[in-house]
Amino acid sequence: MKTNNPNSNKGAFLLFLIFLILISVTVGLALSLRVNAVDENLESDRVIKTLVVMEDKNRVLFTDVFIYYPVSQRGALINILGNTGAIFSSLGRVDSIDSVYLEKGIDSYKTEVENLVGQSIPFYIVLNLTKFGELTDMLGGMKVFIPSPVDVKDEDGERYLLPSGVVSLDGDKIRTYLNYEKIDEDEDDGIERRQNVLLAFFAALSRNEKIIQDKKSFSEISRRMSSNLDEKEFHRLVSIISKVDSEHLSPQTITGSRRVVDGKTLLFPYYDGQLIKDVFKQVSNSLISLDNANVNRTYVLEIQNGTTVSGLARNTMALLRSAGYDILSTGNADSNDYEKTIIINHIGNAEVAKSLGDFIRCSNIIEETVSLDADSTTAASNVDFTIILGKDFDGRYVKK
């Protein structure tokens, strides 16, 4: 007959207790040594890239990739239109990118946006319109510019009223501003309106930087947003991006050609999707390489066609607008027999001229002496750079 040994039971209990202590110490040590995901990102990439999505009632109101360089506190926004079309592997078909979000969720959506822009986007922030209204009130309102008074009714008879001018909208008004539809409003106006809200959001974060830095206050703010980060990491991310110079943020929208697929009008980025990758890369590099003066303004271009290819200057205008340049005019050059493409630098800024040249792979840059004649009426006096397209330009790049 077997008997229980009290000493044996005590020994087993002691071993079990030691095992639990070892596990606790190991877990605690691992947590203490864990690097914050945001800081880890900054060690490997000098800019922070965050996907920002606004959703409402099973639809995506807007999507932007926010690129931020903490050293200069400069940022950029690249708008991803909801009807952007491609063959999406997560769906196994050609469709709009919004369909990925609605059918597969935010993780698959982030992956497809990464494939679209050709770079990793480590973080995302999802804003739900209802909670965004609450967040708006917590941040003291969103300041937006409304060019003319709004007084419209929707199909259900609900009336939307908004004043004109620069106004601070509360939570209810910001939802109205995002949702109303005017009969005479075109697609670009609606996109611009929603981008204004995102700009107002970053301005509100900047304005409430001290509140955000406080962890207790931030816990209430973070409840109105969702992210792929834990509470500590998310606080770190928002604390960093709240320092952004919101006055110089301006969204860029990638253009493309529209085609109807299965009854849907989809926008396919130019050059088989390579344009959006090039723009994304250029914006990221510009934030790092260009000084503050260079990223504070939009540069104005004049494009001249120095070839016999019809419409080359006009098509190039769409290309460069996607990259964030303002095009004053397009037309024919003084000759249609230019062998090589030329960039004429009217403002003496070699760094920006090189950035422009890199985008179209043109190294043939001519520095023009800046005229101090106030009475000058030449077209060049109104533009920063003139591009004369030569036979070596294939519509996207200068061929070697």
Protein backbone atom coordinates (compact mmCIF):
# COMPACT_ATOMS: atom_id res chain seq x y z
CA MET A 1 0.00 0.00 0.00
CA LYS A 2 1.41 3.41 -1.07
CA THR A 3 1.48 6.41 1.25
CA ASN A 4 1.80 10.11 0.35
CA ASN A 5 5.13 11.64 1.30
CA PRO A 6 4.57 15.16 2.70
CA ASN A 7 8.13 16.16 1.86
CA SER A 8 7.63 15.04 -1.75
CA ASN A 9 4.48 17.18 -2.09
CA LYS A 10 6.28 20.19 -0.63
CA GLY A 11 9.15 19.72 -3.07
CA ALA A 12 6.82 19.55 -6.06
CA PHE A 13 5.00 22.68 -4.92
CA LEU A 14 8.31 24.49 -4.47
CA LEU A 15 9.45 23.53 -7.99
CA PHE A 16 6.12 24.71 -9.41
CA LEU A 17 6.45 28.01 -7.54
CA ILE A 18 9.99 28.51 -8.86
CA PHE A 19 8.75 27.75 -12.38
CA LEU A 20 6.02 30.39 -12.10
CA ILE A 21 8.51 32.95 -10.82
CA LEU A 22 10.86 32.23 -13.71
CA ILE A 23 8.04 32.64 -16.24
CA SER A 24 6.93 35.93 -14.64
CA VAL A 25 10.47 37.31 -14.62
CA THR A 26 11.02 36.26 -18.24
CA VAL A 27 7.76 37.85 -19.42
CA GLY A 28 8.43 41.00 -17.43
CA LEU A 29 11.96 41.25 -18.82
CA ALA A 30 10.71 40.70 -22.38
CA LEU A 31 8.10 43.44 -22.00
CA SER A 32 10.60 45.86 -20.53
CA LEU A 33 13.05 45.24 -23.36
CA ARG A 34 10.41 45.49 -26.08
CA VAL A 35 11.04 48.38 -28.45
CA ASN A 36 8.10 50.64 -29.20
CA ALA A 37 6.96 49.87 -32.76
CA VAL A 38 6.93 53.58 -33.69
CA ASP A 39 10.48 54.16 -32.46
CA GLU A 40 11.59 50.97 -34.17
CA ASN A 41 10.10 52.27 -37.42
CA LEU A 42 12.03 55.53 -37.11
CA GLU A 43 15.27 53.61 -36.69
CA SER A 44 14.78 51.90 -40.05
CA ASP A 45 12.86 54.62 -41.93
CA ARG A 46 13.28 58.36 -41.40
CA VAL A 47 9.66 59.07 -42.29
CA ILE A 48 6.52 57.75 -40.62
CA LYS A 49 3.87 56.43 -43.01
CA THR A 50 0.33 56.01 -41.74
CA LEU A 51 -2.82 54.95 -43.57
CA VAL A 52 -5.79 57.10 -42.54
CA VAL A 53 -9.29 55.83 -43.39
CA MET A 54 -12.63 57.53 -42.72
CA GLU A 55 -15.60 55.14 -42.83
CA ASP A 56 -19.35 55.53 -42.41
CA LYS A 57 -22.15 52.97 -42.68
CA ASN A 58 -20.28 50.36 -44.74
CA ARG A 59 -18.63 52.87 -47.05
CA VAL A 60 -15.24 54.54 -47.21
CA LEU A 61 -15.49 58.34 -47.23
CA PHE A 62 -11.80 58.89 -47.90
CA THR A 63 -8.38 57.26 -47.64
CA ASP A 64 -5.04 59.03 -47.39
CA VAL A 65 -1.48 57.99 -46.78
CA PHE A 66 0.10 60.44 -44.35
CA ILE A 67 3.88 60.73 -44.72
CA TYR A 68 5.63 62.60 -41.91
CA TYR A 69 9.24 63.60 -41.33
CA PRO A 70 9.60 64.39 -37.60
CA VAL A 71 12.94 66.21 -37.96
CA SER A 72 11.42 69.08 -39.96
CA GLN A 73 7.83 68.53 -38.73
CA ARG A 74 6.79 68.50 -42.39
CA GLY A 75 4.23 66.11 -43.77
CA ALA A 76 2.40 65.19 -46.96
CA LEU A 77 -0.93 63.57 -47.76
CA ILE A 78 -1.52 61.34 -50.75
CA ASN A 79 -5.20 60.72 -51.41
CA ILE A 80 -6.19 57.24 -52.60
CA LEU A 81 -9.49 57.58 -54.45
CA GLY A 82 -12.08 54.96 -53.60
CA ASN A 83 -12.68 54.01 -57.23
CA THR A 84 -8.98 53.31 -57.86
CA GLY A 85 -8.97 50.12 -59.89
CA ALA A 86 -6.53 47.23 -60.13
CA ILE A 87 -6.37 43.45 -59.96
CA PHE A 88 -6.53 42.96 -56.21
CA SER A 89 -5.16 39.62 -55.05
CA SER A 90 -7.27 39.67 -51.89
CA LEU A 91 -10.41 39.74 -54.07
CA GLY A 92 -9.08 37.72 -56.99
CA ARG A 93 -10.55 40.15 -59.51
CA VAL A 94 -10.46 43.66 -60.94
CA ASP A 95 -12.45 46.01 -58.75
CA SER A 96 -12.29 49.28 -56.83
CA ILE A 97 -9.97 49.44 -53.86
CA ASP A 98 -12.89 50.36 -51.59
CA SER A 99 -14.33 46.90 -52.28
CA VAL A 100 -11.28 45.41 -50.58
CA TYR A 101 -12.05 47.32 -47.40
CA LEU A 102 -15.74 46.45 -47.43
CA GLU A 103 -15.22 42.74 -48.14
CA LYS A 104 -11.88 41.92 -46.51
CA GLY A 105 -11.32 44.54 -43.81
CA ILE A 106 -8.59 46.96 -42.88
CA ASP A 107 -5.61 44.55 -42.84
CA SER A 108 -6.15 43.36 -46.41
CA TYR A 109 -6.94 46.95 -47.39
CA LYS A 110 -3.61 48.17 -45.98
CA THR A 111 -1.77 45.43 -47.85
CA GLU A 112 -3.40 46.37 -51.16
CA VAL A 113 -2.61 50.07 -50.63
CA GLU A 114 1.00 49.09 -49.92
CA ASN A 115 1.08 47.15 -53.20
CA LEU A 116 -0.43 50.15 -54.96
CA VAL A 117 2.14 52.69 -53.71
CA GLY A 118 5.07 50.27 -53.72
CA GLN A 119 6.13 50.87 -50.11
CA SER A 120 5.40 49.51 -46.65
CA ILE A 121 2.91 51.47 -44.54
CA PRO A 122 3.47 50.27 -40.97
CA PHE A 123 0.53 51.94 -39.24
CA TYR A 124 -3.13 52.70 -39.80
CA ILE A 125 -5.76 54.89 -38.15
CA VAL A 126 -9.43 54.20 -38.83
CA LEU A 127 -11.91 56.99 -38.11
CA ASN A 128 -15.58 56.12 -37.82
CA LEU A 129 -17.77 59.11 -38.71
CA THR A 130 -19.98 58.83 -35.60
CA LYS A 131 -17.00 58.61 -33.26
CA PHE A 132 -15.23 61.26 -35.31
CA GLY A 133 -18.05 63.63 -34.41
CA GLU A 134 -17.35 62.95 -30.73
CA LEU A 135 -13.64 63.39 -31.34
CA THR A 136 -14.30 66.72 -33.06
CA ASP A 137 -16.05 68.03 -29.95
CA MET A 138 -13.24 66.78 -27.70
CA LEU A 139 -10.65 68.63 -29.83
CA GLY A 140 -12.62 71.89 -29.80
CA GLY A 141 -14.06 71.70 -33.31
CA MET A 142 -12.66 71.44 -36.83
CA LYS A 143 -11.90 74.63 -38.73
CA VAL A 144 -12.75 74.44 -42.43
CA PHE A 145 -13.35 76.93 -45.24
CA ILE A 146 -16.83 76.82 -46.81
CA PRO A 147 -16.91 79.01 -49.95
CA SER A 148 -20.69 79.49 -50.04
CA PRO A 149 -23.59 78.78 -47.65
CA VAL A 150 -24.99 75.24 -47.76
CA ASP A 151 -28.75 74.67 -47.74
CA VAL A 152 -29.64 71.32 -49.30
CA LYS A 153 -31.99 68.41 -48.68
CA ASP A 154 -31.18 64.75 -49.19
CA GLU A 155 -33.47 62.08 -50.64
CA ASP A 156 -35.01 61.46 -47.22
CA GLY A 157 -35.88 65.13 -46.81
CA GLU A 158 -33.18 65.84 -44.23
CA ARG A 159 -31.97 69.40 -44.47
CA TYR A 160 -28.29 70.38 -44.29
CA LEU A 161 -27.41 73.94 -43.27
CA LEU A 162 -23.90 75.34 -43.04
CA PRO A 163 -22.62 78.93 -43.00
CA SER A 164 -19.93 80.24 -45.37
CA GLY A 165 -16.42 81.37 -44.55
CA VAL A 166 -13.79 79.93 -42.22
CA VAL A 167 -15.89 78.28 -39.54
CA SER A 168 -15.26 75.94 -36.64
CA LEU A 169 -17.62 73.01 -37.00
CA ASP A 170 -18.74 70.90 -34.04
CA GLY A 171 -19.31 67.15 -34.19
CA ASP A 172 -22.80 67.33 -35.70
CA LYS A 173 -21.77 69.93 -38.26
CA ILE A 174 -18.66 68.04 -39.31
CA ARG A 175 -20.80 64.99 -40.08
CA THR A 176 -23.11 67.22 -42.09
CA TYR A 177 -20.15 68.70 -43.94
CA LEU A 178 -18.93 65.23 -44.92
CA ASN A 179 -22.33 63.80 -45.86
CA TYR A 180 -24.25 66.47 -47.75
CA GLU A 181 -24.48 66.30 -51.55
CA LYS A 182 -25.22 69.23 -53.85
CA ILE A 183 -26.74 68.70 -57.27
CA ASP A 184 -24.21 70.98 -58.97
CA GLU A 185 -21.19 69.62 -57.07
CA ASP A 186 -18.78 67.63 -59.22
CA GLU A 187 -16.59 64.77 -58.05
CA ASP A 188 -13.52 66.95 -57.52
CA ASP A 189 -15.47 69.32 -55.25
CA GLY A 190 -16.58 66.41 -53.07
CA ILE A 191 -13.03 65.08 -52.85
CA GLU A 192 -11.68 68.51 -51.91
CA ARG A 193 -14.34 68.92 -49.23
CA ARG A 194 -13.43 65.64 -47.58
CA GLN A 195 -9.74 66.42 -47.79
CA ASN A 196 -10.45 69.70 -46.00
CA VAL A 197 -11.76 67.67 -43.08
CA LEU A 198 -8.56 65.63 -42.91
CA LEU A 199 -6.49 68.83 -42.97
CA ALA A 200 -8.69 70.20 -40.18
CA PHE A 201 -8.14 66.99 -38.21
CA PHE A 202 -4.35 67.33 -38.30
CA ALA A 203 -4.65 71.02 -37.42
CA ALA A 204 -6.81 70.08 -34.42
CA LEU A 205 -4.23 67.50 -33.30
CA SER A 206 -1.52 70.16 -33.55
CA ARG A 207 -3.67 72.67 -31.68
CA ASN A 208 -4.32 70.16 -28.87
CA GLU A 209 -0.77 68.84 -28.61
CA LYS A 210 -0.60 69.33 -24.83
CA ILE A 211 -3.82 67.40 -24.28
CA ILE A 212 -2.57 64.58 -26.47
CA GLN A 213 0.71 64.36 -24.59
CA ASP A 214 -1.23 63.68 -21.38
CA LYS A 215 -1.85 59.93 -21.24
CA LYS A 216 -5.08 60.18 -19.24
CA SER A 217 -6.62 62.65 -21.65
CA PHE A 218 -5.36 60.68 -24.62
CA SER A 219 -7.11 57.50 -23.47
CA GLU A 220 -10.45 59.24 -24.08
CA ILE A 221 -9.27 60.45 -27.50
CA SER A 222 -7.90 57.06 -28.54
CA ARG A 223 -11.25 55.41 -27.80
CA ARG A 224 -12.68 57.36 -30.76
CA MET A 225 -10.09 55.89 -33.16
CA SER A 226 -8.80 52.44 -33.97
CA SER A 227 -5.29 51.38 -34.96
CA ASN A 228 -3.03 48.36 -35.36
CA LEU A 229 -0.99 49.59 -32.37
CA ASP A 230 -1.45 48.99 -28.66
CA GLU A 231 -2.37 51.91 -26.39
CA LYS A 232 1.22 52.86 -25.54
CA GLU A 233 2.41 52.68 -29.15
CA PHE A 234 -0.63 54.54 -30.46
CA HIS A 235 -0.05 57.32 -27.94
CA ARG A 236 3.53 57.56 -29.14
CA LEU A 237 2.44 57.74 -32.80
CA VAL A 238 -0.19 60.44 -32.28
CA SER A 239 2.14 62.39 -29.97
CA ILE A 240 4.71 62.53 -32.78
CA ILE A 241 2.37 63.39 -35.64
CA SER A 242 0.54 66.02 -33.55
CA LYS A 243 3.64 68.18 -33.97
CA VAL A 244 3.11 68.36 -37.74
CA ASP A 245 3.22 71.77 -39.42
CA SER A 246 -0.43 71.57 -40.46
CA GLU A 247 -0.34 74.96 -42.20
CA HIS A 248 1.71 73.50 -45.03
CA LEU A 249 -0.13 70.23 -45.50
CA SER A 250 -1.74 69.84 -48.91
CA PRO A 251 -3.21 66.61 -50.28
CA GLN A 252 -2.11 65.18 -53.60
CA THR A 253 -4.54 63.06 -55.61
CA ILE A 254 -3.24 60.47 -58.04
CA THR A 255 -4.89 60.73 -61.44
CA GLY A 256 -5.41 58.09 -64.08
CA SER A 257 -7.65 56.90 -66.87
CA ARG A 258 -11.26 55.88 -66.27
CA ARG A 259 -12.65 52.62 -67.60
CA VAL A 260 -15.94 50.83 -67.00
CA VAL A 261 -15.50 47.31 -65.58
CA ASP A 262 -18.57 45.22 -64.70
CA GLY A 263 -20.74 48.32 -64.58
CA LYS A 264 -18.32 50.27 -62.33
CA THR A 265 -16.30 53.29 -63.44
CA LEU A 266 -12.80 52.62 -62.15
CA LEU A 267 -9.76 54.89 -62.11
CA PHE A 268 -6.57 53.14 -63.22
CA PRO A 269 -3.38 55.06 -62.29
CA TYR A 270 -1.30 56.03 -65.30
CA TYR A 271 1.55 53.90 -66.65
CA ASP A 272 0.22 50.60 -65.29
CA GLY A 273 0.32 51.89 -61.73
CA GLN A 274 3.97 52.97 -61.86
CA LEU A 275 3.07 56.66 -61.58
CA ILE A 276 1.60 56.35 -58.10
CA LYS A 277 4.73 54.48 -56.95
CA ASP A 278 6.99 57.18 -58.40
CA VAL A 279 4.95 59.98 -56.82
CA PHE A 280 4.96 58.26 -53.44
CA LYS A 281 8.73 57.77 -53.59
CA GLN A 282 9.36 61.35 -54.70
CA VAL A 283 7.20 62.82 -51.93
CA SER A 284 8.95 60.73 -49.27
CA ASN A 285 12.40 61.67 -50.55
CA SER A 286 11.50 65.35 -50.89
CA LEU A 287 10.43 65.61 -47.26
CA ILE A 288 13.85 64.37 -46.20
CA SER A 289 16.14 65.99 -48.76
CA LEU A 290 14.61 69.43 -49.35
CA ASP A 291 14.92 72.25 -46.84
CA ASN A 292 11.94 73.95 -45.19
CA ALA A 293 11.69 76.71 -47.80
CA ASN A 294 11.41 74.16 -50.58
CA VAL A 295 8.58 72.12 -49.07
CA ASN A 296 6.51 75.14 -48.11
CA ARG A 297 5.28 75.92 -51.60
CA THR A 298 3.92 74.45 -54.81
CA TYR A 299 6.15 75.02 -57.83
CA VAL A 300 4.67 76.38 -61.05
CA LEU A 301 5.63 74.85 -64.39
CA GLU A 302 5.27 75.70 -68.05
CA ILE A 303 5.32 72.73 -70.43
CA GLN A 304 6.21 73.12 -74.09
CA ASN A 305 6.04 70.45 -76.77
CA GLY A 306 9.22 70.44 -78.83
CA THR A 307 8.18 67.42 -80.91
CA THR A 308 5.64 66.48 -83.57
CA VAL A 309 3.76 64.19 -81.12
CA SER A 310 0.28 65.65 -80.76
CA GLY A 311 -0.93 66.27 -77.19
CA LEU A 312 2.40 65.43 -75.53
CA ALA A 313 2.50 68.60 -73.41
CA ARG A 314 -1.12 68.19 -72.34
CA ASN A 315 -0.60 64.59 -71.28
CA THR A 316 2.56 65.52 -69.41
CA MET A 317 0.56 68.16 -67.54
CA ALA A 318 -1.60 65.42 -65.96
CA LEU A 319 1.55 63.51 -65.05
CA LEU A 320 3.20 66.42 -63.25
CA ARG A 321 0.02 67.57 -61.54
CA SER A 322 -0.17 64.14 -59.94
CA ALA A 323 3.31 64.80 -58.56
CA GLY A 324 2.09 67.99 -56.88
CA TYR A 325 3.22 70.63 -59.37
CA ASP A 326 1.02 73.48 -60.58
CA ILE A 327 0.90 73.84 -64.36
CA LEU A 328 0.41 77.41 -65.58
CA SER A 329 0.32 76.63 -69.29
CA THR A 330 1.03 74.10 -72.01
CA GLY A 331 1.78 74.75 -75.66
CA ASN A 332 4.18 74.28 -78.51
CA ALA A 333 7.85 75.23 -78.31
CA ASP A 334 9.52 77.51 -80.85
CA SER A 335 10.48 74.37 -82.78
CA ASN A 336 9.16 70.82 -83.07
CA ASP A 337 12.61 69.40 -83.64
CA TYR A 338 14.11 69.28 -80.14
CA GLU A 339 16.24 66.16 -79.81
CA LYS A 340 16.62 66.38 -76.03
CA THR A 341 14.26 67.40 -73.26
CA ILE A 342 15.29 70.55 -71.39
CA ILE A 343 14.36 71.91 -67.95
CA ILE A 344 14.92 75.65 -67.61
CA ASN A 345 15.39 76.74 -64.00
CA HIS A 346 14.03 80.29 -63.69
CA ILE A 347 14.42 80.64 -59.92
CA GLY A 348 17.99 79.45 -59.42
CA ASN A 349 16.99 76.59 -57.11
CA ALA A 350 19.19 73.71 -58.22
CA GLU A 351 17.85 71.31 -55.57
CA VAL A 352 14.23 71.56 -56.65
CA ALA A 353 15.23 71.52 -60.32
CA LYS A 354 17.08 68.25 -59.74
CA SER A 355 14.04 66.79 -57.92
CA LEU A 356 11.87 67.69 -60.92
CA GLY A 357 14.49 66.26 -63.27
CA ASP A 358 14.71 63.03 -61.28
CA PHE A 359 10.97 62.56 -61.58
CA ILE A 360 11.09 62.48 -65.38
CA ARG A 361 14.73 61.30 -65.52
CA CYS A 362 15.96 64.47 -67.16
CA SER A 363 19.49 65.66 -66.34
CA ASN A 364 19.56 68.37 -69.02
CA ILE A 365 18.91 71.38 -66.74
CA ILE A 366 19.69 74.95 -67.78
CA GLU A 367 20.11 77.62 -65.13
CA GLU A 368 18.61 80.91 -66.25
CA THR A 369 19.80 84.17 -64.76
CA VAL A 370 17.03 85.52 -62.53
CA SER A 371 15.77 88.83 -63.88
CA LEU A 372 15.18 91.65 -61.39
CA ASP A 373 13.21 93.66 -63.94
CA ALA A 374 9.83 94.30 -62.32
CA ASP A 375 8.32 95.23 -65.70
CA SER A 376 9.08 91.85 -67.24
CA THR A 377 5.96 90.39 -68.85
CA THR A 378 7.37 87.20 -70.25
CA ALA A 379 5.68 83.91 -69.49
CA ALA A 380 8.84 82.73 -67.74
CA SER A 381 8.43 85.44 -65.10
CA ASN A 382 5.28 83.68 -63.91
CA VAL A 383 6.73 80.18 -63.69
CA ASP A 384 9.48 78.53 -61.70
CA PHE A 385 10.51 76.01 -64.35
CA THR A 386 9.94 75.55 -68.06
CA ILE A 387 10.05 72.03 -69.51
CA ILE A 388 10.64 71.70 -73.25
CA LEU A 389 9.84 68.14 -74.26
CA GLY A 390 12.18 66.60 -76.79
CA LYS A 391 12.20 63.46 -78.92
CA ASP A 392 13.86 61.55 -76.08
CA PHE A 393 10.73 61.89 -73.89
CA ASP A 394 8.45 58.85 -74.15
CA GLY A 395 5.52 60.38 -72.28
CA ARG A 396 6.80 59.36 -68.83
CA TYR A 397 10.57 59.37 -68.83
CA VAL A 398 13.47 60.82 -70.76
CA LYS A 399 15.08 57.86 -72.51
CA LYS A 400 18.82 57.39 -72.18
